[in-house]
Amino acid sequence: MTPDDAVRAIAEALARLLATVLRTDPAELDPDRRLTEYGIDSLMGAEFLVHTREYFDVRLSPTELLTSGGTLTHIAHLIHQRLIPQRTGSQTPETAAAGGDST
């Protein structure tokens, strides 16, 4: 899956989670609309963060939810970045598991 496809899939999952909180149809949620425009209060935001953490096993702060764009697409990018395995040095997970190095 390409990174763009992954972000799009994450945004769709986020729309379903947010729709649960807002008690609406996910199809009515624009992934590029600011969450504040949906009338989310602090309690709804906290509920959305809990659902997001449970679904993706990624912890986001309330500040991240509402700043730097504050859209489902923006949040999907944050989650995607945190789901990508971090690589140290020049080893890939495959070479590290095999005990070799990538050279």
N, C-alpha and C. Protein backbone atom coordinates (compact mmCIF):
# COMPACT_ATOMS: atom_id res chain seq x y z
N MET A 1 0.85 -1.17 0.00
CA MET A 1 0.00 0.00 0.00
C MET A 1 0.90 1.24 0.00
N THR A 2 0.58 2.19 -0.83
CA THR A 2 1.38 3.42 -0.87
C THR A 2 1.09 4.26 0.38
N PRO A 3 1.99 5.16 0.73
CA PRO A 3 1.73 6.03 1.88
C PRO A 3 0.43 6.83 1.74
N ASP A 4 0.14 7.32 0.53
CA ASP A 4 -1.10 8.07 0.32
C ASP A 4 -2.33 7.19 0.54
N ASP A 5 -2.26 5.95 0.05
CA ASP A 5 -3.38 5.02 0.26
C ASP A 5 -3.53 4.69 1.74
N ALA A 6 -2.42 4.56 2.43
CA ALA A 6 -2.47 4.26 3.86
C ALA A 6 -3.10 5.41 4.63
N VAL A 7 -2.70 6.64 4.32
CA VAL A 7 -3.28 7.81 4.99
C VAL A 7 -4.77 7.89 4.69
N ARG A 8 -5.16 7.63 3.47
CA ARG A 8 -6.58 7.65 3.09
C ARG A 8 -7.36 6.59 3.87
N ALA A 9 -6.81 5.39 4.00
CA ALA A 9 -7.48 4.33 4.75
C ALA A 9 -7.58 4.68 6.24
N ILE A 10 -6.54 5.29 6.77
CA ILE A 10 -6.57 5.71 8.18
C ILE A 10 -7.63 6.79 8.37
N ALA A 11 -7.69 7.75 7.43
CA ALA A 11 -8.69 8.82 7.52
C ALA A 11 -10.11 8.25 7.47
N GLU A 12 -10.33 7.22 6.66
CA GLU A 12 -11.65 6.58 6.60
C GLU A 12 -11.99 5.91 7.92
N ALA A 13 -11.03 5.25 8.53
CA ALA A 13 -11.25 4.63 9.84
C ALA A 13 -11.52 5.71 10.89
N LEU A 14 -10.78 6.81 10.83
CA LEU A 14 -11.01 7.91 11.76
C LEU A 14 -12.42 8.50 11.59
N ALA A 15 -12.87 8.58 10.35
CA ALA A 15 -14.22 9.09 10.10
C ALA A 15 -15.27 8.19 10.75
N ARG A 16 -15.06 6.89 10.70
CA ARG A 16 -16.00 5.96 11.35
C ARG A 16 -15.97 6.15 12.87
N LEU A 17 -14.77 6.34 13.43
CA LEU A 17 -14.65 6.55 14.87
C LEU A 17 -15.30 7.87 15.29
N LEU A 18 -15.04 8.92 14.52
CA LEU A 18 -15.63 10.22 14.83
C LEU A 18 -17.14 10.19 14.67
N ALA A 19 -17.62 9.49 13.66
CA ALA A 19 -19.07 9.38 13.44
C ALA A 19 -19.75 8.71 14.64
N THR A 20 -19.07 7.77 15.26
CA THR A 20 -19.60 7.12 16.46
C THR A 20 -19.76 8.15 17.57
N VAL A 21 -18.77 9.00 17.74
CA VAL A 21 -18.80 10.03 18.78
C VAL A 21 -19.89 11.05 18.49
N LEU A 22 -20.00 11.45 17.22
CA LEU A 22 -20.97 12.48 16.83
C LEU A 22 -22.36 11.91 16.57
N ARG A 23 -22.45 10.58 16.55
CA ARG A 23 -23.70 9.89 16.25
C ARG A 23 -24.27 10.35 14.89
N THR A 24 -23.41 10.19 13.90
CA THR A 24 -23.77 10.57 12.54
C THR A 24 -23.23 9.53 11.56
N ASP A 25 -23.51 9.72 10.30
CA ASP A 25 -23.04 8.84 9.24
C ASP A 25 -21.61 9.25 8.84
N PRO A 26 -20.67 8.31 8.80
CA PRO A 26 -19.30 8.65 8.42
C PRO A 26 -19.21 9.32 7.04
N ALA A 27 -20.12 9.01 6.14
CA ALA A 27 -20.11 9.59 4.80
C ALA A 27 -20.35 11.10 4.84
N GLU A 28 -20.92 11.60 5.93
CA GLU A 28 -21.19 13.03 6.06
C GLU A 28 -19.98 13.82 6.55
N LEU A 29 -18.90 13.13 6.88
CA LEU A 29 -17.72 13.79 7.42
C LEU A 29 -16.68 14.00 6.33
N ASP A 30 -16.28 15.24 6.14
CA ASP A 30 -15.25 15.60 5.17
C ASP A 30 -13.89 15.47 5.85
N PRO A 31 -13.00 14.64 5.32
CA PRO A 31 -11.70 14.43 5.98
C PRO A 31 -10.82 15.68 6.02
N ASP A 32 -11.15 16.69 5.22
CA ASP A 32 -10.35 17.92 5.19
C ASP A 32 -11.03 19.09 5.90
N ARG A 33 -12.10 18.82 6.60
CA ARG A 33 -12.79 19.85 7.38
C ARG A 33 -12.25 19.84 8.80
N ARG A 34 -12.03 21.02 9.37
CA ARG A 34 -11.52 21.11 10.74
C ARG A 34 -12.52 20.49 11.71
N LEU A 35 -11.99 19.73 12.67
CA LEU A 35 -12.85 19.05 13.64
C LEU A 35 -13.67 20.04 14.46
N THR A 36 -13.13 21.22 14.70
CA THR A 36 -13.86 22.22 15.48
C THR A 36 -15.15 22.64 14.77
N GLU A 37 -15.19 22.51 13.46
CA GLU A 37 -16.38 22.87 12.70
C GLU A 37 -17.53 21.89 12.92
N TYR A 38 -17.24 20.73 13.47
CA TYR A 38 -18.28 19.75 13.77
C TYR A 38 -18.88 19.97 15.16
N GLY A 39 -18.39 20.98 15.87
CA GLY A 39 -18.92 21.29 17.19
C GLY A 39 -18.44 20.35 18.29
N ILE A 40 -17.25 19.81 18.11
CA ILE A 40 -16.70 18.88 19.09
C ILE A 40 -16.30 19.65 20.34
N ASP A 41 -16.82 19.22 21.49
CA ASP A 41 -16.40 19.83 22.75
C ASP A 41 -15.28 18.97 23.35
N SER A 42 -14.81 19.37 24.52
CA SER A 42 -13.66 18.67 25.12
C SER A 42 -13.99 17.21 25.46
N LEU A 43 -15.20 16.95 25.90
CA LEU A 43 -15.60 15.59 26.24
C LEU A 43 -15.65 14.70 24.99
N MET A 44 -16.21 15.24 23.91
CA MET A 44 -16.26 14.49 22.65
C MET A 44 -14.86 14.26 22.11
N GLY A 45 -13.99 15.26 22.24
CA GLY A 45 -12.61 15.11 21.79
C GLY A 45 -11.90 14.02 22.56
N ALA A 46 -12.13 13.99 23.87
CA ALA A 46 -11.51 12.95 24.70
C ALA A 46 -12.03 11.57 24.30
N GLU A 47 -13.32 11.46 24.05
CA GLU A 47 -13.91 10.18 23.63
C GLU A 47 -13.31 9.74 22.29
N PHE A 48 -13.16 10.67 21.37
CA PHE A 48 -12.56 10.36 20.07
C PHE A 48 -11.11 9.89 20.23
N LEU A 49 -10.36 10.56 21.11
CA LEU A 49 -8.98 10.15 21.36
C LEU A 49 -8.89 8.75 21.95
N VAL A 50 -9.82 8.42 22.84
CA VAL A 50 -9.83 7.07 23.42
C VAL A 50 -10.11 6.03 22.34
N HIS A 51 -11.11 6.30 21.50
CA HIS A 51 -11.43 5.36 20.41
C HIS A 51 -10.23 5.22 19.46
N THR A 52 -9.58 6.35 19.17
CA THR A 52 -8.42 6.33 18.27
C THR A 52 -7.28 5.51 18.86
N ARG A 53 -7.01 5.71 20.15
CA ARG A 53 -5.94 4.95 20.80
C ARG A 53 -6.26 3.46 20.82
N GLU A 54 -7.51 3.11 21.10
CA GLU A 54 -7.89 1.70 21.13
C GLU A 54 -7.79 1.06 19.74
N TYR A 55 -8.19 1.77 18.72
CA TYR A 55 -8.21 1.22 17.36
C TYR A 55 -6.81 1.10 16.76
N PHE A 56 -6.00 2.16 16.91
CA PHE A 56 -4.68 2.19 16.27
C PHE A 56 -3.53 1.88 17.21
N ASP A 57 -3.78 1.85 18.50
CA ASP A 57 -2.74 1.68 19.51
C ASP A 57 -1.69 2.79 19.37
N VAL A 58 -2.17 4.00 19.15
CA VAL A 58 -1.34 5.19 19.02
C VAL A 58 -1.93 6.25 19.93
N ARG A 59 -1.08 6.87 20.72
CA ARG A 59 -1.53 7.91 21.66
C ARG A 59 -1.36 9.29 21.02
N LEU A 60 -2.45 10.04 20.96
CA LEU A 60 -2.44 11.41 20.48
C LEU A 60 -2.85 12.32 21.63
N SER A 61 -2.33 13.53 21.64
CA SER A 61 -2.71 14.48 22.68
C SER A 61 -3.88 15.32 22.20
N PRO A 62 -4.62 15.92 23.13
CA PRO A 62 -5.70 16.82 22.73
C PRO A 62 -5.19 17.98 21.88
N THR A 63 -3.99 18.44 22.15
CA THR A 63 -3.40 19.52 21.36
C THR A 63 -3.21 19.09 19.91
N GLU A 64 -2.72 17.88 19.71
CA GLU A 64 -2.53 17.37 18.34
C GLU A 64 -3.85 17.23 17.61
N LEU A 65 -4.89 16.95 18.36
CA LEU A 65 -6.20 16.77 17.76
C LEU A 65 -6.70 18.07 17.13
N LEU A 66 -6.42 19.19 17.74
CA LEU A 66 -7.02 20.44 17.30
C LEU A 66 -6.07 21.45 16.67
N THR A 67 -4.77 21.14 16.65
CA THR A 67 -3.82 22.10 16.08
C THR A 67 -3.21 21.56 14.80
N SER A 68 -2.45 22.41 14.17
CA SER A 68 -1.72 22.04 12.94
C SER A 68 -2.63 21.41 11.90
N GLY A 69 -3.74 22.00 11.69
CA GLY A 69 -4.68 21.49 10.68
C GLY A 69 -5.97 21.04 11.32
N GLY A 70 -5.87 20.15 12.29
CA GLY A 70 -7.05 19.69 13.01
C GLY A 70 -8.11 19.03 12.14
N THR A 71 -7.67 18.32 11.11
CA THR A 71 -8.60 17.60 10.24
C THR A 71 -8.35 16.10 10.37
N LEU A 72 -9.27 15.31 9.89
CA LEU A 72 -9.08 13.86 9.90
C LEU A 72 -7.85 13.48 9.06
N THR A 73 -7.65 14.18 7.96
CA THR A 73 -6.49 13.91 7.12
C THR A 73 -5.19 14.20 7.87
N HIS A 74 -5.15 15.31 8.58
CA HIS A 74 -3.96 15.65 9.36
C HIS A 74 -3.70 14.59 10.44
N ILE A 75 -4.74 14.20 11.14
CA ILE A 75 -4.60 13.19 12.19
C ILE A 75 -4.16 11.86 11.57
N ALA A 76 -4.68 11.54 10.39
CA ALA A 76 -4.27 10.32 9.69
C ALA A 76 -2.78 10.34 9.38
N HIS A 77 -2.26 11.51 8.98
CA HIS A 77 -0.81 11.63 8.73
C HIS A 77 -0.02 11.40 10.01
N LEU A 78 -0.48 11.98 11.13
CA LEU A 78 0.21 11.77 12.41
C LEU A 78 0.25 10.29 12.78
N ILE A 79 -0.89 9.64 12.65
CA ILE A 79 -0.97 8.21 12.99
C ILE A 79 -0.08 7.40 12.06
N HIS A 80 -0.13 7.70 10.77
CA HIS A 80 0.69 6.97 9.80
C HIS A 80 2.17 7.10 10.15
N GLN A 81 2.61 8.29 10.50
CA GLN A 81 4.02 8.49 10.88
C GLN A 81 4.39 7.65 12.10
N ARG A 82 3.48 7.51 13.03
CA ARG A 82 3.78 6.75 14.25
C ARG A 82 3.69 5.25 14.04
N LEU A 83 2.98 4.84 13.01
CA LEU A 83 2.88 3.41 12.73
C LEU A 83 4.04 2.89 11.91
N ILE A 84 4.76 3.79 11.23
CA ILE A 84 5.92 3.39 10.43
C ILE A 84 7.03 2.97 11.39
N PRO A 85 7.59 1.77 11.22
CA PRO A 85 8.67 1.34 12.11
C PRO A 85 9.86 2.28 11.98
N GLN A 86 10.40 2.66 13.12
CA GLN A 86 11.58 3.52 13.12
C GLN A 86 12.81 2.66 12.87
N ARG A 87 13.66 3.10 11.98
CA ARG A 87 14.88 2.36 11.66
C ARG A 87 16.07 3.09 12.26
N THR A 88 16.95 2.33 12.85
CA THR A 88 18.16 2.92 13.40
C THR A 88 19.34 2.46 12.55
N GLY A 89 20.24 3.38 12.29
CA GLY A 89 21.40 3.03 11.48
C GLY A 89 20.98 2.62 10.09
N SER A 90 21.69 1.66 9.55
CA SER A 90 21.40 1.23 8.19
C SER A 90 20.68 -0.12 8.16
N GLN A 91 20.35 -0.66 9.33
CA GLN A 91 19.68 -1.96 9.35
C GLN A 91 18.19 -1.81 9.13
N THR A 92 17.64 -2.72 8.36
CA THR A 92 16.20 -2.83 8.21
C THR A 92 15.72 -3.84 9.23
N PRO A 93 14.43 -3.91 9.51
CA PRO A 93 13.95 -4.93 10.45
C PRO A 93 14.32 -6.34 10.01
N GLU A 94 14.35 -6.57 8.69
CA GLU A 94 14.66 -7.92 8.20
C GLU A 94 16.11 -8.28 8.48
N THR A 95 17.03 -7.32 8.23
CA THR A 95 18.44 -7.64 8.47
C THR A 95 18.76 -7.69 9.95
N ALA A 96 18.09 -6.88 10.73
CA ALA A 96 18.30 -6.92 12.18
C ALA A 96 17.84 -8.26 12.73
N ALA A 97 16.70 -8.76 12.25
CA ALA A 97 16.17 -10.04 12.73
C ALA A 97 17.09 -11.19 12.31
N ALA A 98 17.72 -11.04 11.14
CA ALA A 98 18.61 -12.09 10.65
C ALA A 98 20.00 -12.01 11.28
N GLY A 99 20.25 -10.90 12.01
CA GLY A 99 21.54 -10.76 12.66
C GLY A 99 22.62 -10.24 11.75
N GLY A 100 22.25 -9.82 10.55
CA GLY A 100 23.24 -9.31 9.60
C GLY A 100 23.16 -7.82 9.50
N ASP A 101 24.00 -7.28 8.62
CA ASP A 101 23.85 -5.86 8.35
C ASP A 101 23.56 -5.70 6.87
N SER A 102 23.11 -4.51 6.51
CA SER A 102 22.58 -4.31 5.17
C SER A 102 23.65 -4.07 4.12
N THR A 103 24.92 -4.16 4.48
CA THR A 103 25.97 -3.93 3.50
C THR A 103 26.43 -5.20 2.86
